[in-house]
Structure formats: structure tokens, C-alpha cells
Amino acid sequence: MKKLSFKRNLKKENGSITVVVLVTVLFFVTILSTAYVVVSAQRRAQMQSEITAKDVYEKDLNNAGEIYNSLAIELNSPNNISTQNQI
């Protein structure tokens, strides 16, 4: 019975539907803006992580030739050749 009278009162008042629509729109805007902020923060953290990983992996590219030469010298050294033959 109360539910029916509430609907009748809601229909009688001219601005009440405007208030309902306004509250609904504000609710959706709040949810969407919160989701945007969360996704934006996650994307920012992901980009920072990618930049850090890229810096770490590219660090030795500048002296890759030196690293290759030092490894080649170590592999071709007499101590290393004798240990390889024993295995």
C-alpha cells in the first residue's frame, strides 16, 4: 500500500523525476570517473615499470662488443680449454 502511494506521489510532483534522473546521472559519472582514475594510475605504473625494464636491459648494449671480446678471451684461454677437454 505504501509503495503504491509513493508512486502516486512521485507522479504528482513535477520535478521529482528530474531529481531521480539527476541522481542517477551523477551516480554513473562518479563510477566512471573513479574507474578512469584507477585505470590511469595502473597505466602510469605500467609505463614506469616498462621504462625501468628497458633501461636495465639496454644498459649493457653500449659496451656489448667489449663484453663479447672479454667472454671470447675467457673461453679461448688455456685454463678454460683444458677444463673443457676434461669434461
N, C-alpha and C. Protein backbone atom coordinates (compact mmCIF):
# COMPACT_ATOMS: atom_id res chain seq x y z
N MET A 1 0.82 -1.19 0.00
CA MET A 1 0.00 0.00 0.00
C MET A 1 0.87 1.25 0.00
N LYS A 2 1.93 1.26 0.83
CA LYS A 2 2.81 2.42 0.88
C LYS A 2 3.55 2.60 -0.44
N LYS A 3 3.90 1.47 -1.05
CA LYS A 3 4.62 1.53 -2.31
C LYS A 3 3.76 2.19 -3.38
N LEU A 4 2.52 1.88 -3.40
CA LEU A 4 1.60 2.45 -4.37
C LEU A 4 1.42 3.94 -4.14
N SER A 5 1.34 4.37 -2.89
CA SER A 5 1.18 5.79 -2.61
C SER A 5 2.47 6.55 -2.94
N PHE A 6 3.61 5.90 -2.77
CA PHE A 6 4.88 6.54 -3.15
C PHE A 6 4.91 6.79 -4.65
N LYS A 7 4.48 5.83 -5.44
CA LYS A 7 4.45 6.00 -6.90
C LYS A 7 3.48 7.12 -7.29
N ARG A 8 2.34 7.17 -6.60
CA ARG A 8 1.39 8.23 -6.90
C ARG A 8 1.96 9.60 -6.58
N ASN A 9 2.61 9.71 -5.43
CA ASN A 9 3.22 10.98 -5.05
C ASN A 9 4.35 11.35 -6.01
N LEU A 10 5.10 10.35 -6.46
CA LEU A 10 6.19 10.60 -7.39
C LEU A 10 5.65 11.14 -8.72
N LYS A 11 4.53 10.62 -9.15
CA LYS A 11 3.94 11.08 -10.41
C LYS A 11 3.27 12.46 -10.25
N LYS A 12 2.79 12.76 -9.09
CA LYS A 12 2.13 14.04 -8.87
C LYS A 12 3.12 15.20 -8.91
N GLU A 13 4.28 14.99 -8.32
CA GLU A 13 5.25 16.07 -8.24
C GLU A 13 5.98 16.19 -9.57
N ASN A 14 6.02 17.39 -10.11
CA ASN A 14 6.56 17.61 -11.43
C ASN A 14 8.08 17.49 -11.49
N GLY A 15 8.81 17.94 -10.50
CA GLY A 15 10.26 17.95 -10.55
C GLY A 15 10.91 16.70 -9.98
N SER A 16 10.12 15.77 -9.49
CA SER A 16 10.70 14.61 -8.82
C SER A 16 11.43 13.70 -9.80
N ILE A 17 10.93 13.54 -10.99
CA ILE A 17 11.61 12.69 -11.97
C ILE A 17 12.93 13.31 -12.39
N THR A 18 12.99 14.63 -12.40
CA THR A 18 14.23 15.32 -12.71
C THR A 18 15.29 15.02 -11.65
N VAL A 19 14.88 15.00 -10.41
CA VAL A 19 15.80 14.69 -9.32
C VAL A 19 16.30 13.26 -9.44
N VAL A 20 15.43 12.33 -9.76
CA VAL A 20 15.82 10.93 -9.93
C VAL A 20 16.83 10.80 -11.06
N VAL A 21 16.57 11.44 -12.18
CA VAL A 21 17.49 11.38 -13.32
C VAL A 21 18.82 12.03 -12.97
N LEU A 22 18.78 13.15 -12.29
CA LEU A 22 20.00 13.84 -11.89
C LEU A 22 20.85 12.98 -10.95
N VAL A 23 20.24 12.36 -9.99
CA VAL A 23 20.97 11.49 -9.05
C VAL A 23 21.56 10.29 -9.79
N THR A 24 20.81 9.71 -10.71
CA THR A 24 21.30 8.58 -11.49
C THR A 24 22.48 8.98 -12.35
N VAL A 25 22.40 10.10 -13.02
CA VAL A 25 23.49 10.57 -13.86
C VAL A 25 24.73 10.86 -13.02
N LEU A 26 24.56 11.50 -11.89
CA LEU A 26 25.70 11.78 -11.00
C LEU A 26 26.32 10.49 -10.48
N PHE A 27 25.50 9.49 -10.21
CA PHE A 27 26.00 8.20 -9.77
C PHE A 27 26.86 7.56 -10.85
N PHE A 28 26.39 7.56 -12.09
CA PHE A 28 27.17 6.99 -13.20
C PHE A 28 28.44 7.79 -13.45
N VAL A 29 28.37 9.09 -13.37
CA VAL A 29 29.57 9.91 -13.58
C VAL A 29 30.60 9.62 -12.50
N THR A 30 30.15 9.45 -11.27
CA THR A 30 31.06 9.12 -10.17
C THR A 30 31.74 7.78 -10.40
N ILE A 31 30.98 6.78 -10.80
CA ILE A 31 31.54 5.45 -11.05
C ILE A 31 32.53 5.51 -12.21
N LEU A 32 32.16 6.17 -13.29
CA LEU A 32 33.05 6.23 -14.46
C LEU A 32 34.33 7.02 -14.17
N SER A 33 34.21 8.12 -13.43
CA SER A 33 35.42 8.89 -13.12
C SER A 33 36.33 8.12 -12.17
N THR A 34 35.77 7.37 -11.25
CA THR A 34 36.59 6.53 -10.36
C THR A 34 37.30 5.45 -11.15
N ALA A 35 36.60 4.82 -12.07
CA ALA A 35 37.23 3.79 -12.91
C ALA A 35 38.34 4.40 -13.75
N TYR A 36 38.14 5.58 -14.28
CA TYR A 36 39.17 6.25 -15.08
C TYR A 36 40.42 6.54 -14.24
N VAL A 37 40.23 7.02 -13.03
CA VAL A 37 41.36 7.34 -12.17
C VAL A 37 42.14 6.06 -11.83
N VAL A 38 41.45 4.98 -11.55
CA VAL A 38 42.12 3.72 -11.21
C VAL A 38 42.90 3.20 -12.41
N VAL A 39 42.29 3.19 -13.58
CA VAL A 39 42.96 2.70 -14.79
C VAL A 39 44.13 3.60 -15.15
N SER A 40 43.99 4.88 -14.97
CA SER A 40 45.07 5.81 -15.26
C SER A 40 46.26 5.57 -14.34
N ALA A 41 46.00 5.33 -13.08
CA ALA A 41 47.09 5.06 -12.14
C ALA A 41 47.80 3.75 -12.47
N GLN A 42 47.03 2.74 -12.86
CA GLN A 42 47.63 1.47 -13.25
C GLN A 42 48.47 1.63 -14.51
N ARG A 43 47.99 2.37 -15.46
CA ARG A 43 48.73 2.58 -16.71
C ARG A 43 50.02 3.35 -16.45
N ARG A 44 49.96 4.33 -15.57
CA ARG A 44 51.16 5.10 -15.23
C ARG A 44 52.20 4.20 -14.57
N ALA A 45 51.77 3.33 -13.67
CA ALA A 45 52.69 2.40 -13.02
C ALA A 45 53.27 1.41 -14.03
N GLN A 46 52.45 0.97 -14.97
CA GLN A 46 52.91 0.03 -16.00
C GLN A 46 53.95 0.69 -16.89
N MET A 47 53.71 1.93 -17.28
CA MET A 47 54.67 2.63 -18.13
C MET A 47 55.99 2.85 -17.40
N GLN A 48 55.93 3.18 -16.12
CA GLN A 48 57.15 3.37 -15.34
C GLN A 48 57.92 2.05 -15.23
N SER A 49 57.21 0.96 -15.07
CA SER A 49 57.85 -0.35 -15.00
C SER A 49 58.50 -0.71 -16.33
N GLU A 50 57.83 -0.40 -17.44
CA GLU A 50 58.40 -0.67 -18.76
C GLU A 50 59.66 0.16 -19.00
N ILE A 51 59.66 1.40 -18.58
CA ILE A 51 60.83 2.27 -18.75
C ILE A 51 61.99 1.73 -17.92
N THR A 52 61.71 1.31 -16.69
CA THR A 52 62.76 0.77 -15.83
C THR A 52 63.35 -0.51 -16.43
N ALA A 53 62.48 -1.40 -16.92
CA ALA A 53 62.96 -2.65 -17.52
C ALA A 53 63.77 -2.36 -18.77
N LYS A 54 63.33 -1.42 -19.57
CA LYS A 54 64.06 -1.06 -20.79
C LYS A 54 65.45 -0.52 -20.44
N ASP A 55 65.53 0.33 -19.43
CA ASP A 55 66.83 0.87 -19.01
C ASP A 55 67.76 -0.23 -18.52
N VAL A 56 67.22 -1.18 -17.78
CA VAL A 56 68.04 -2.27 -17.25
C VAL A 56 68.57 -3.14 -18.39
N TYR A 57 67.72 -3.48 -19.35
CA TYR A 57 68.14 -4.36 -20.42
C TYR A 57 69.02 -3.67 -21.46
N GLU A 58 68.89 -2.36 -21.60
CA GLU A 58 69.70 -1.64 -22.57
C GLU A 58 71.01 -1.13 -21.98
N LYS A 59 71.22 -1.32 -20.71
CA LYS A 59 72.39 -0.78 -20.04
C LYS A 59 73.69 -1.32 -20.67
N ASP A 60 73.75 -2.60 -20.96
CA ASP A 60 74.97 -3.20 -21.46
C ASP A 60 75.07 -3.19 -22.98
N LEU A 61 74.12 -2.62 -23.68
CA LEU A 61 74.19 -2.58 -25.14
C LEU A 61 75.29 -1.66 -25.65
N ASN A 62 75.62 -0.64 -24.89
CA ASN A 62 76.65 0.30 -25.33
C ASN A 62 78.03 -0.34 -25.35
N ASN A 63 78.26 -1.26 -24.45
CA ASN A 63 79.57 -1.91 -24.44
C ASN A 63 79.44 -3.41 -24.73
N ALA A 64 78.54 -3.77 -25.63
CA ALA A 64 78.32 -5.18 -25.96
C ALA A 64 79.56 -5.78 -26.62
N GLY A 65 80.25 -5.01 -27.44
CA GLY A 65 81.46 -5.51 -28.08
C GLY A 65 82.53 -5.85 -27.07
N GLU A 66 82.70 -5.01 -26.07
CA GLU A 66 83.69 -5.28 -25.02
C GLU A 66 83.33 -6.53 -24.23
N ILE A 67 82.06 -6.70 -23.93
CA ILE A 67 81.62 -7.89 -23.20
C ILE A 67 81.86 -9.14 -24.04
N TYR A 68 81.55 -9.06 -25.33
CA TYR A 68 81.77 -10.21 -26.22
C TYR A 68 83.25 -10.56 -26.28
N ASN A 69 84.10 -9.56 -26.43
CA ASN A 69 85.54 -9.81 -26.50
C ASN A 69 86.08 -10.41 -25.21
N SER A 70 85.63 -9.92 -24.08
CA SER A 70 86.11 -10.46 -22.80
C SER A 70 85.65 -11.91 -22.62
N LEU A 71 84.44 -12.22 -23.05
CA LEU A 71 83.96 -13.61 -22.96
C LEU A 71 84.73 -14.51 -23.93
N ALA A 72 85.02 -14.00 -25.12
CA ALA A 72 85.78 -14.78 -26.10
C ALA A 72 87.18 -15.07 -25.58
N ILE A 73 87.79 -14.10 -24.94
CA ILE A 73 89.13 -14.29 -24.37
C ILE A 73 89.07 -15.34 -23.26
N GLU A 74 88.05 -15.26 -22.41
CA GLU A 74 87.92 -16.23 -21.32
C GLU A 74 87.70 -17.64 -21.87
N LEU A 75 86.89 -17.76 -22.90
CA LEU A 75 86.60 -19.09 -23.46
C LEU A 75 87.81 -19.67 -24.18
N ASN A 76 88.64 -18.82 -24.76
CA ASN A 76 89.80 -19.29 -25.50
C ASN A 76 91.06 -19.38 -24.66
N SER A 77 90.96 -19.07 -23.38
CA SER A 77 92.15 -19.12 -22.52
C SER A 77 92.58 -20.58 -22.32
N PRO A 78 93.88 -20.84 -22.08
CA PRO A 78 94.38 -22.22 -21.91
C PRO A 78 93.73 -22.94 -20.74
N ASN A 79 93.44 -22.23 -19.65
CA ASN A 79 92.81 -22.87 -18.49
C ASN A 79 91.41 -23.39 -18.84
N ASN A 80 90.70 -22.62 -19.60
CA ASN A 80 89.34 -22.99 -19.96
C ASN A 80 89.34 -24.14 -20.95
N ILE A 81 90.30 -24.17 -21.88
CA ILE A 81 90.35 -25.23 -22.88
C ILE A 81 90.66 -26.56 -22.21
N SER A 82 91.54 -26.59 -21.24
CA SER A 82 91.88 -27.84 -20.57
C SER A 82 90.72 -28.37 -19.74
N THR A 83 89.93 -27.46 -19.14
CA THR A 83 88.79 -27.92 -18.36
C THR A 83 87.70 -28.43 -19.27
N GLN A 84 87.56 -27.88 -20.48
CA GLN A 84 86.56 -28.37 -21.41
C GLN A 84 86.92 -29.76 -21.90
N ASN A 85 88.19 -30.04 -22.13
CA ASN A 85 88.58 -31.33 -22.60
C ASN A 85 88.40 -32.40 -21.53
N GLN A 86 88.47 -32.02 -20.27
CA GLN A 86 88.29 -33.00 -19.20
C GLN A 86 86.85 -33.40 -19.02
N ILE A 87 85.94 -32.54 -19.42
CA ILE A 87 84.52 -32.83 -19.25
C ILE A 87 84.10 -33.76 -20.30
